Amino acid sequence: MIRDRDRDVDIEDSPSSMEDHHITAAPKEHVNGTIVPRAGHMVLKTPFAASDLGELRRQVARHAGAAGLRPARLAEFVLAVNEIATNAIVHGGGRGHLELDRTGTGLRCTIVDQGPGPARPDTCAHHSPDGEESGRGLRLARAFVDDLTLTNGTAGTTVTLIVLLD
């Protein structure tokens, strides 16, 4: 059970119905004449599997747009999130968990999976040998966000994407 300021939202472990997992009642504030979620509040929290990728992209786009991300950056951010979510599915056990929250200056998207992650997380998102296909999604994601961090350990892999609001 997640406590929201105005209501309780039940988050199940099953990724079967993403509609049940979004959080929309975050406190709001005005930014550049637009009402957006306040910094420090969760915008979206959901588990996902391969069958959820289309809905995941739609929800990330909807919530990131509502949080104030401009259209040009929004398309790039959604692409970056999709690449990392796809990696979680392909390399991380077939499923993952996404959290999107508002920071003081932007949006933070954290994607967690149960996979081992790359052997060298410090370099895999920056470059790879010519012709090597592994790591392309990470490099593409890094190109479209302001910051990307990848950590792995015994519990799995965590990728955090940061995009600044204009």
N, C-alpha and C. Protein backbone atom coordinates (compact mmCIF):
# COMPACT_ATOMS: atom_id res chain seq x y z
N MET A 1 0.85 -1.17 0.00
CA MET A 1 0.00 0.00 0.00
C MET A 1 0.90 1.24 0.00
N ILE A 2 0.66 2.14 -0.90
CA ILE A 2 1.39 3.40 -0.97
C ILE A 2 0.49 4.48 -0.42
N ARG A 3 1.03 5.31 0.42
CA ARG A 3 0.27 6.43 0.96
C ARG A 3 0.45 7.63 0.07
N ASP A 4 -0.61 8.14 -0.42
CA ASP A 4 -0.63 9.38 -1.19
C ASP A 4 -1.26 10.41 -0.27
N ARG A 5 -0.98 11.64 -0.47
CA ARG A 5 -1.49 12.68 0.41
C ARG A 5 -3.01 12.65 0.53
N ASP A 6 -3.71 12.38 -0.56
CA ASP A 6 -5.16 12.45 -0.56
C ASP A 6 -5.85 11.10 -0.53
N ARG A 7 -5.13 10.03 -0.80
CA ARG A 7 -5.79 8.72 -0.87
C ARG A 7 -4.76 7.62 -0.76
N ASP A 8 -5.22 6.38 -0.55
CA ASP A 8 -4.36 5.21 -0.55
C ASP A 8 -4.41 4.60 -1.93
N VAL A 9 -3.26 4.15 -2.41
CA VAL A 9 -3.19 3.49 -3.71
C VAL A 9 -2.54 2.14 -3.48
N ASP A 10 -3.21 1.07 -3.89
CA ASP A 10 -2.70 -0.27 -3.71
C ASP A 10 -1.83 -0.65 -4.89
N ILE A 11 -0.58 -0.98 -4.64
CA ILE A 11 0.33 -1.39 -5.68
C ILE A 11 0.58 -2.89 -5.52
N GLU A 12 0.14 -3.69 -6.48
CA GLU A 12 0.34 -5.13 -6.44
C GLU A 12 1.66 -5.48 -7.10
N ASP A 13 2.14 -6.69 -6.84
CA ASP A 13 3.37 -7.15 -7.47
C ASP A 13 3.17 -7.55 -8.92
N SER A 14 1.96 -7.88 -9.30
CA SER A 14 1.67 -8.34 -10.66
C SER A 14 1.61 -7.18 -11.63
N PRO A 15 2.27 -7.30 -12.80
CA PRO A 15 2.22 -6.23 -13.79
C PRO A 15 1.01 -6.33 -14.71
N SER A 16 -0.02 -7.07 -14.32
CA SER A 16 -1.11 -7.36 -15.24
C SER A 16 -1.94 -6.15 -15.63
N SER A 17 -2.11 -5.18 -14.76
CA SER A 17 -2.94 -4.03 -15.10
C SER A 17 -2.25 -2.75 -14.68
N MET A 18 -1.55 -2.12 -15.61
CA MET A 18 -0.80 -0.92 -15.28
C MET A 18 -1.71 0.23 -14.90
N GLU A 19 -2.93 0.26 -15.40
CA GLU A 19 -3.85 1.35 -15.06
C GLU A 19 -4.06 1.45 -13.56
N ASP A 20 -3.95 0.33 -12.86
CA ASP A 20 -4.17 0.33 -11.42
C ASP A 20 -2.96 0.85 -10.65
N HIS A 21 -1.85 1.09 -11.33
CA HIS A 21 -0.62 1.40 -10.63
C HIS A 21 -0.16 2.85 -10.72
N HIS A 22 -0.81 3.66 -11.49
CA HIS A 22 -0.32 5.03 -11.61
C HIS A 22 -0.82 5.89 -10.44
N ILE A 23 -0.08 6.91 -10.15
CA ILE A 23 -0.40 7.83 -9.07
C ILE A 23 -0.61 9.19 -9.69
N THR A 24 -1.76 9.79 -9.48
CA THR A 24 -2.04 11.07 -10.13
C THR A 24 -2.41 12.17 -9.15
N ALA A 25 -2.47 11.87 -7.87
CA ALA A 25 -2.96 12.86 -6.92
C ALA A 25 -1.85 13.62 -6.20
N ALA A 26 -0.70 13.78 -6.84
CA ALA A 26 0.41 14.51 -6.23
C ALA A 26 0.03 15.98 -6.07
N PRO A 27 0.48 16.60 -4.98
CA PRO A 27 0.21 18.03 -4.81
C PRO A 27 0.78 18.81 -5.99
N LYS A 28 0.11 19.88 -6.37
CA LYS A 28 0.47 20.64 -7.57
C LYS A 28 1.02 22.02 -7.21
N GLU A 29 1.76 22.60 -8.16
CA GLU A 29 2.26 23.96 -8.05
C GLU A 29 2.31 24.56 -9.45
N HIS A 30 2.45 25.87 -9.52
CA HIS A 30 2.54 26.56 -10.81
C HIS A 30 4.00 26.73 -11.20
N VAL A 31 4.35 26.32 -12.42
CA VAL A 31 5.69 26.50 -12.98
C VAL A 31 5.51 27.05 -14.38
N ASN A 32 6.05 28.24 -14.63
CA ASN A 32 5.92 28.90 -15.93
C ASN A 32 4.47 28.94 -16.41
N GLY A 33 3.57 29.22 -15.49
CA GLY A 33 2.15 29.34 -15.84
C GLY A 33 1.43 28.03 -16.01
N THR A 34 2.10 26.91 -15.73
CA THR A 34 1.49 25.59 -15.86
C THR A 34 1.40 24.93 -14.49
N ILE A 35 0.32 24.23 -14.24
CA ILE A 35 0.18 23.50 -12.98
C ILE A 35 0.85 22.14 -13.16
N VAL A 36 1.83 21.83 -12.31
CA VAL A 36 2.59 20.58 -12.40
C VAL A 36 2.72 19.96 -11.00
N PRO A 37 3.08 18.66 -10.92
CA PRO A 37 3.30 18.05 -9.61
C PRO A 37 4.45 18.74 -8.89
N ARG A 38 4.34 18.88 -7.58
CA ARG A 38 5.40 19.48 -6.78
C ARG A 38 6.64 18.59 -6.76
N ALA A 39 7.79 19.24 -6.63
CA ALA A 39 9.05 18.51 -6.52
C ALA A 39 9.01 17.58 -5.33
N GLY A 40 9.64 16.42 -5.48
CA GLY A 40 9.71 15.46 -4.40
C GLY A 40 8.53 14.51 -4.34
N HIS A 41 7.62 14.59 -5.29
CA HIS A 41 6.45 13.72 -5.27
C HIS A 41 6.49 12.72 -6.41
N MET A 42 6.08 11.50 -6.08
CA MET A 42 6.01 10.42 -7.07
C MET A 42 4.96 10.76 -8.11
N VAL A 43 5.32 10.59 -9.36
CA VAL A 43 4.41 10.84 -10.47
C VAL A 43 3.84 9.53 -10.99
N LEU A 44 4.67 8.49 -11.04
CA LEU A 44 4.25 7.19 -11.56
C LEU A 44 5.08 6.10 -10.90
N LYS A 45 4.43 5.02 -10.52
CA LYS A 45 5.13 3.87 -9.93
C LYS A 45 4.41 2.62 -10.41
N THR A 46 5.15 1.74 -11.13
CA THR A 46 4.48 0.57 -11.70
C THR A 46 5.46 -0.56 -12.03
N PRO A 47 5.05 -1.80 -11.82
CA PRO A 47 5.81 -2.92 -12.37
C PRO A 47 5.47 -3.05 -13.85
N PHE A 48 6.33 -3.74 -14.61
CA PHE A 48 6.03 -3.93 -16.03
C PHE A 48 6.67 -5.22 -16.53
N ALA A 49 6.10 -5.71 -17.63
CA ALA A 49 6.62 -6.87 -18.36
C ALA A 49 6.57 -6.51 -19.84
N ALA A 50 6.98 -7.42 -20.70
CA ALA A 50 7.04 -7.14 -22.14
C ALA A 50 5.69 -6.70 -22.69
N SER A 51 4.63 -7.32 -22.25
CA SER A 51 3.30 -6.98 -22.77
C SER A 51 2.84 -5.59 -22.34
N ASP A 52 3.54 -4.97 -21.39
CA ASP A 52 3.16 -3.65 -20.87
C ASP A 52 3.91 -2.50 -21.52
N LEU A 53 4.87 -2.76 -22.41
CA LEU A 53 5.73 -1.68 -22.91
C LEU A 53 4.97 -0.55 -23.59
N GLY A 54 3.99 -0.85 -24.40
CA GLY A 54 3.22 0.20 -25.06
C GLY A 54 2.50 1.08 -24.06
N GLU A 55 1.85 0.47 -23.10
CA GLU A 55 1.15 1.24 -22.06
C GLU A 55 2.14 1.99 -21.18
N LEU A 56 3.29 1.40 -20.90
CA LEU A 56 4.32 2.08 -20.11
C LEU A 56 4.77 3.36 -20.81
N ARG A 57 5.03 3.28 -22.12
CA ARG A 57 5.42 4.48 -22.88
C ARG A 57 4.33 5.55 -22.81
N ARG A 58 3.07 5.14 -22.99
CA ARG A 58 1.96 6.11 -22.94
C ARG A 58 1.87 6.77 -21.57
N GLN A 59 2.01 5.99 -20.51
CA GLN A 59 1.91 6.57 -19.17
C GLN A 59 3.09 7.48 -18.85
N VAL A 60 4.29 7.08 -19.23
CA VAL A 60 5.46 7.94 -19.01
C VAL A 60 5.26 9.25 -19.77
N ALA A 61 4.82 9.18 -21.02
CA ALA A 61 4.59 10.39 -21.81
C ALA A 61 3.53 11.27 -21.16
N ARG A 62 2.44 10.67 -20.72
CA ARG A 62 1.36 11.45 -20.12
C ARG A 62 1.82 12.13 -18.82
N HIS A 63 2.45 11.37 -17.95
CA HIS A 63 2.86 11.92 -16.66
C HIS A 63 4.03 12.90 -16.79
N ALA A 64 4.99 12.61 -17.66
CA ALA A 64 6.12 13.53 -17.85
C ALA A 64 5.64 14.82 -18.50
N GLY A 65 4.72 14.72 -19.45
CA GLY A 65 4.15 15.92 -20.07
C GLY A 65 3.38 16.74 -19.05
N ALA A 66 2.60 16.08 -18.20
CA ALA A 66 1.84 16.79 -17.17
C ALA A 66 2.76 17.43 -16.14
N ALA A 67 3.96 16.87 -15.97
CA ALA A 67 4.93 17.42 -15.02
C ALA A 67 5.69 18.61 -15.60
N GLY A 68 5.49 18.90 -16.90
CA GLY A 68 6.10 20.08 -17.48
C GLY A 68 7.18 19.83 -18.51
N LEU A 69 7.43 18.58 -18.88
CA LEU A 69 8.45 18.30 -19.89
C LEU A 69 7.92 18.70 -21.26
N ARG A 70 8.66 19.54 -21.96
CA ARG A 70 8.23 20.07 -23.26
C ARG A 70 8.24 18.97 -24.33
N PRO A 71 7.41 19.11 -25.38
CA PRO A 71 7.23 18.05 -26.37
C PRO A 71 8.51 17.50 -27.00
N ALA A 72 9.45 18.35 -27.38
CA ALA A 72 10.68 17.86 -28.02
C ALA A 72 11.47 16.96 -27.07
N ARG A 73 11.62 17.39 -25.83
CA ARG A 73 12.33 16.59 -24.83
C ARG A 73 11.52 15.37 -24.42
N LEU A 74 10.21 15.50 -24.44
CA LEU A 74 9.32 14.42 -24.03
C LEU A 74 9.51 13.19 -24.91
N ALA A 75 9.54 13.38 -26.22
CA ALA A 75 9.73 12.25 -27.14
C ALA A 75 11.06 11.55 -26.89
N GLU A 76 12.11 12.32 -26.67
CA GLU A 76 13.42 11.74 -26.40
C GLU A 76 13.44 11.00 -25.06
N PHE A 77 12.81 11.58 -24.05
CA PHE A 77 12.76 10.96 -22.73
C PHE A 77 12.01 9.63 -22.79
N VAL A 78 10.88 9.61 -23.48
CA VAL A 78 10.09 8.37 -23.60
C VAL A 78 10.91 7.31 -24.33
N LEU A 79 11.65 7.69 -25.36
CA LEU A 79 12.50 6.74 -26.07
C LEU A 79 13.58 6.18 -25.13
N ALA A 80 14.20 7.05 -24.35
CA ALA A 80 15.23 6.61 -23.41
C ALA A 80 14.65 5.63 -22.38
N VAL A 81 13.49 5.96 -21.83
CA VAL A 81 12.83 5.08 -20.86
C VAL A 81 12.51 3.74 -21.51
N ASN A 82 12.01 3.77 -22.74
CA ASN A 82 11.68 2.53 -23.44
C ASN A 82 12.91 1.65 -23.63
N GLU A 83 14.04 2.25 -23.99
CA GLU A 83 15.27 1.47 -24.18
C GLU A 83 15.69 0.77 -22.88
N ILE A 84 15.61 1.50 -21.77
CA ILE A 84 16.03 0.91 -20.50
C ILE A 84 15.02 -0.13 -20.03
N ALA A 85 13.74 0.13 -20.21
CA ALA A 85 12.71 -0.85 -19.83
C ALA A 85 12.86 -2.12 -20.67
N THR A 86 13.16 -1.97 -21.95
CA THR A 86 13.38 -3.13 -22.82
C THR A 86 14.59 -3.92 -22.35
N ASN A 87 15.66 -3.22 -21.96
CA ASN A 87 16.83 -3.91 -21.41
C ASN A 87 16.47 -4.69 -20.15
N ALA A 88 15.64 -4.10 -19.30
CA ALA A 88 15.22 -4.79 -18.08
C ALA A 88 14.51 -6.09 -18.41
N ILE A 89 13.67 -6.06 -19.43
CA ILE A 89 12.93 -7.25 -19.83
C ILE A 89 13.86 -8.29 -20.45
N VAL A 90 14.71 -7.86 -21.38
CA VAL A 90 15.58 -8.79 -22.11
C VAL A 90 16.69 -9.36 -21.22
N HIS A 91 17.30 -8.51 -20.40
CA HIS A 91 18.46 -8.93 -19.62
C HIS A 91 18.19 -9.10 -18.13
N GLY A 92 17.01 -8.72 -17.68
CA GLY A 92 16.75 -8.69 -16.24
C GLY A 92 15.64 -9.57 -15.74
N GLY A 93 15.38 -10.65 -16.41
CA GLY A 93 14.41 -11.59 -15.89
C GLY A 93 12.99 -11.43 -16.42
N GLY A 94 12.81 -10.66 -17.48
CA GLY A 94 11.50 -10.57 -18.10
C GLY A 94 10.54 -9.55 -17.53
N ARG A 95 10.98 -8.83 -16.52
CA ARG A 95 10.12 -7.81 -15.92
C ARG A 95 10.97 -6.77 -15.19
N GLY A 96 10.35 -5.67 -14.83
CA GLY A 96 11.04 -4.62 -14.11
C GLY A 96 10.06 -3.78 -13.32
N HIS A 97 10.59 -2.75 -12.70
CA HIS A 97 9.76 -1.84 -11.92
C HIS A 97 10.23 -0.41 -12.23
N LEU A 98 9.29 0.47 -12.52
CA LEU A 98 9.60 1.85 -12.88
C LEU A 98 9.01 2.80 -11.85
N GLU A 99 9.80 3.78 -11.46
CA GLU A 99 9.33 4.89 -10.63
C GLU A 99 9.73 6.19 -11.31
N LEU A 100 8.77 7.07 -11.46
CA LEU A 100 9.00 8.39 -12.06
C LEU A 100 8.61 9.42 -11.03
N ASP A 101 9.55 10.27 -10.65
CA ASP A 101 9.21 11.31 -9.68
C ASP A 101 9.79 12.64 -10.11
N ARG A 102 9.24 13.68 -9.55
CA ARG A 102 9.63 15.05 -9.85
C ARG A 102 10.70 15.48 -8.88
N THR A 103 11.78 16.04 -9.38
CA THR A 103 12.82 16.60 -8.53
C THR A 103 12.64 18.12 -8.54
N GLY A 104 13.53 18.83 -7.89
CA GLY A 104 13.42 20.29 -7.88
C GLY A 104 13.59 20.92 -9.25
N THR A 105 14.35 20.26 -10.14
CA THR A 105 14.63 20.84 -11.45
C THR A 105 14.21 19.97 -12.63
N GLY A 106 13.70 18.80 -12.37
CA GLY A 106 13.35 17.92 -13.49
C GLY A 106 12.60 16.69 -13.07
N LEU A 107 12.83 15.62 -13.83
CA LEU A 107 12.20 14.33 -13.57
C LEU A 107 13.29 13.28 -13.41
N ARG A 108 13.03 12.35 -12.50
CA ARG A 108 13.93 11.23 -12.28
C ARG A 108 13.14 9.95 -12.54
N CYS A 109 13.65 9.10 -13.42
CA CYS A 109 13.02 7.82 -13.71
C CYS A 109 13.99 6.72 -13.28
N THR A 110 13.54 5.87 -12.38
CA THR A 110 14.36 4.77 -11.89
C THR A 110 13.74 3.47 -12.36
N ILE A 111 14.53 2.65 -13.02
CA ILE A 111 14.07 1.35 -13.50
C ILE A 111 14.95 0.29 -12.85
N VAL A 112 14.30 -0.67 -12.20
CA VAL A 112 14.99 -1.73 -11.47
C VAL A 112 14.58 -3.08 -12.06
N ASP A 113 15.56 -3.97 -12.21
CA ASP A 113 15.26 -5.34 -12.63
C ASP A 113 16.10 -6.30 -11.79
N GLN A 114 15.91 -7.57 -11.99
CA GLN A 114 16.60 -8.58 -11.19
C GLN A 114 17.79 -9.20 -11.91
N GLY A 115 18.19 -8.61 -13.02
CA GLY A 115 19.32 -9.14 -13.78
C GLY A 115 20.65 -8.73 -13.19
N PRO A 116 21.73 -9.39 -13.63
CA PRO A 116 23.05 -9.10 -13.10
C PRO A 116 23.63 -7.78 -13.58
N GLY A 117 23.13 -7.25 -14.67
CA GLY A 117 23.68 -6.01 -15.22
C GLY A 117 24.97 -6.26 -15.96
N PRO A 118 25.48 -5.23 -16.61
CA PRO A 118 26.72 -5.39 -17.37
C PRO A 118 27.92 -5.55 -16.44
N ALA A 119 28.94 -6.24 -16.94
CA ALA A 119 30.14 -6.48 -16.15
C ALA A 119 30.87 -5.18 -15.81
N ARG A 120 30.82 -4.20 -16.72
CA ARG A 120 31.50 -2.92 -16.49
C ARG A 120 30.50 -1.78 -16.64
N PRO A 121 29.65 -1.54 -15.63
CA PRO A 121 28.62 -0.51 -15.76
C PRO A 121 29.18 0.89 -15.94
N ASP A 122 30.42 1.11 -15.52
CA ASP A 122 31.02 2.44 -15.64
C ASP A 122 31.34 2.82 -17.08
N THR A 123 31.48 1.85 -17.98
CA THR A 123 31.85 2.17 -19.35
C THR A 123 30.82 1.76 -20.40
N CYS A 124 29.91 0.86 -20.07
CA CYS A 124 29.04 0.28 -21.11
C CYS A 124 28.11 1.29 -21.75
N ALA A 125 27.71 2.32 -21.07
CA ALA A 125 26.79 3.29 -21.66
C ALA A 125 27.52 4.37 -22.46
N HIS A 126 28.85 4.34 -22.44
CA HIS A 126 29.61 5.37 -23.14
C HIS A 126 30.14 4.91 -24.49
N HIS A 127 30.66 3.70 -24.57
CA HIS A 127 31.23 3.22 -25.83
C HIS A 127 31.27 1.70 -25.82
N SER A 128 31.43 1.12 -26.99
CA SER A 128 31.63 -0.32 -27.12
C SER A 128 32.47 -0.56 -28.36
N PRO A 129 33.09 -1.73 -28.45
CA PRO A 129 33.89 -2.03 -29.64
C PRO A 129 33.02 -1.97 -30.90
N ASP A 130 33.64 -1.59 -32.01
CA ASP A 130 32.92 -1.53 -33.29
C ASP A 130 32.23 -2.85 -33.58
N GLY A 131 30.99 -2.76 -34.03
CA GLY A 131 30.24 -3.94 -34.40
C GLY A 131 29.55 -4.64 -33.25
N GLU A 132 29.87 -4.30 -32.03
CA GLU A 132 29.22 -4.95 -30.89
C GLU A 132 27.83 -4.37 -30.70
N GLU A 133 26.83 -5.23 -30.61
CA GLU A 133 25.46 -4.76 -30.49
C GLU A 133 25.07 -4.49 -29.05
N SER A 134 25.69 -5.14 -28.11
CA SER A 134 25.34 -4.94 -26.72
C SER A 134 25.70 -3.53 -26.27
N GLY A 135 24.80 -2.90 -25.56
CA GLY A 135 25.06 -1.56 -25.04
C GLY A 135 24.47 -0.44 -25.86
N ARG A 136 23.92 -0.74 -27.03
CA ARG A 136 23.37 0.32 -27.87
C ARG A 136 22.20 1.04 -27.21
N GLY A 137 21.33 0.29 -26.54
CA GLY A 137 20.19 0.90 -25.87
C GLY A 137 20.62 1.86 -24.78
N LEU A 138 21.65 1.48 -24.02
CA LEU A 138 22.17 2.37 -22.98
C LEU A 138 22.77 3.63 -23.58
N ARG A 139 23.53 3.48 -24.65
CA ARG A 139 24.13 4.66 -25.29
C ARG A 139 23.06 5.58 -25.87
N LEU A 140 22.04 5.01 -26.47
CA LEU A 140 20.94 5.81 -27.01
C LEU A 140 20.21 6.54 -25.88
N ALA A 141 19.93 5.82 -24.80
CA ALA A 141 19.25 6.45 -23.66
C ALA A 141 20.09 7.60 -23.11
N ARG A 142 21.39 7.36 -22.95
CA ARG A 142 22.27 8.41 -22.41
C ARG A 142 22.25 9.66 -23.30
N ALA A 143 22.14 9.48 -24.60
CA ALA A 143 22.14 10.62 -25.53
C ALA A 143 20.90 11.50 -25.37
N PHE A 144 19.81 10.94 -24.84
CA PHE A 144 18.55 11.68 -24.78
C PHE A 144 18.18 12.19 -23.39
N VAL A 145 19.03 11.98 -22.40
CA VAL A 145 18.74 12.47 -21.05
C VAL A 145 19.91 13.31 -20.56
N ASP A 146 19.68 14.02 -19.47
CA ASP A 146 20.73 14.86 -18.91
C ASP A 146 21.71 14.08 -18.05
N ASP A 147 21.26 12.95 -17.49
CA ASP A 147 22.14 12.10 -16.70
C ASP A 147 21.59 10.69 -16.70
N LEU A 148 22.49 9.71 -16.74
CA LEU A 148 22.13 8.31 -16.65
C LEU A 148 23.13 7.64 -15.73
N THR A 149 22.64 6.97 -14.71
CA THR A 149 23.52 6.19 -13.85
C THR A 149 23.03 4.75 -13.84
N LEU A 150 23.98 3.83 -13.79
CA LEU A 150 23.68 2.41 -13.78
C LEU A 150 24.45 1.78 -12.64
N THR A 151 23.76 1.06 -11.79
CA THR A 151 24.42 0.32 -10.72
C THR A 151 23.89 -1.10 -10.74
N ASN A 152 24.77 -2.05 -10.43
CA ASN A 152 24.31 -3.42 -10.33
C ASN A 152 24.89 -4.07 -9.10
N GLY A 153 24.19 -5.07 -8.63
CA GLY A 153 24.61 -5.79 -7.44
C GLY A 153 23.89 -7.12 -7.37
N THR A 154 23.96 -7.75 -6.22
CA THR A 154 23.37 -9.07 -6.08
C THR A 154 21.85 -9.05 -6.19
N ALA A 155 21.21 -7.93 -5.88
CA ALA A 155 19.75 -7.84 -5.95
C ALA A 155 19.25 -7.47 -7.34
N GLY A 156 20.15 -7.05 -8.24
CA GLY A 156 19.72 -6.68 -9.58
C GLY A 156 20.39 -5.42 -10.08
N THR A 157 19.79 -4.83 -11.10
CA THR A 157 20.35 -3.65 -11.76
C THR A 157 19.38 -2.49 -11.62
N THR A 158 19.93 -1.31 -11.36
CA THR A 158 19.14 -0.08 -11.27
C THR A 158 19.71 0.94 -12.24
N VAL A 159 18.84 1.47 -13.09
CA VAL A 159 19.22 2.54 -14.01
C VAL A 159 18.37 3.76 -13.66
N THR A 160 19.04 4.89 -13.46
CA THR A 160 18.34 6.13 -13.15
C THR A 160 18.59 7.12 -14.27
N LEU A 161 17.49 7.65 -14.81
CA LEU A 161 17.54 8.65 -15.87
C LEU A 161 17.07 9.98 -15.29
N ILE A 162 17.79 11.05 -15.58
CA ILE A 162 17.41 12.39 -15.15
C ILE A 162 17.22 13.25 -16.38
N VAL A 163 16.11 13.96 -16.43
CA VAL A 163 15.88 14.93 -17.50
C VAL A 163 15.45 16.23 -16.83
N LEU A 164 16.07 17.33 -17.25
CA LEU A 164 15.77 18.64 -16.67
C LEU A 164 14.57 19.26 -17.37
N LEU A 165 13.74 19.93 -16.60
CA LEU A 165 12.62 20.68 -17.17
C LEU A 165 13.15 22.01 -17.67
N ASP A 166 12.59 22.51 -18.75
CA ASP A 166 13.03 23.80 -19.32
C ASP A 166 12.67 24.94 -18.40
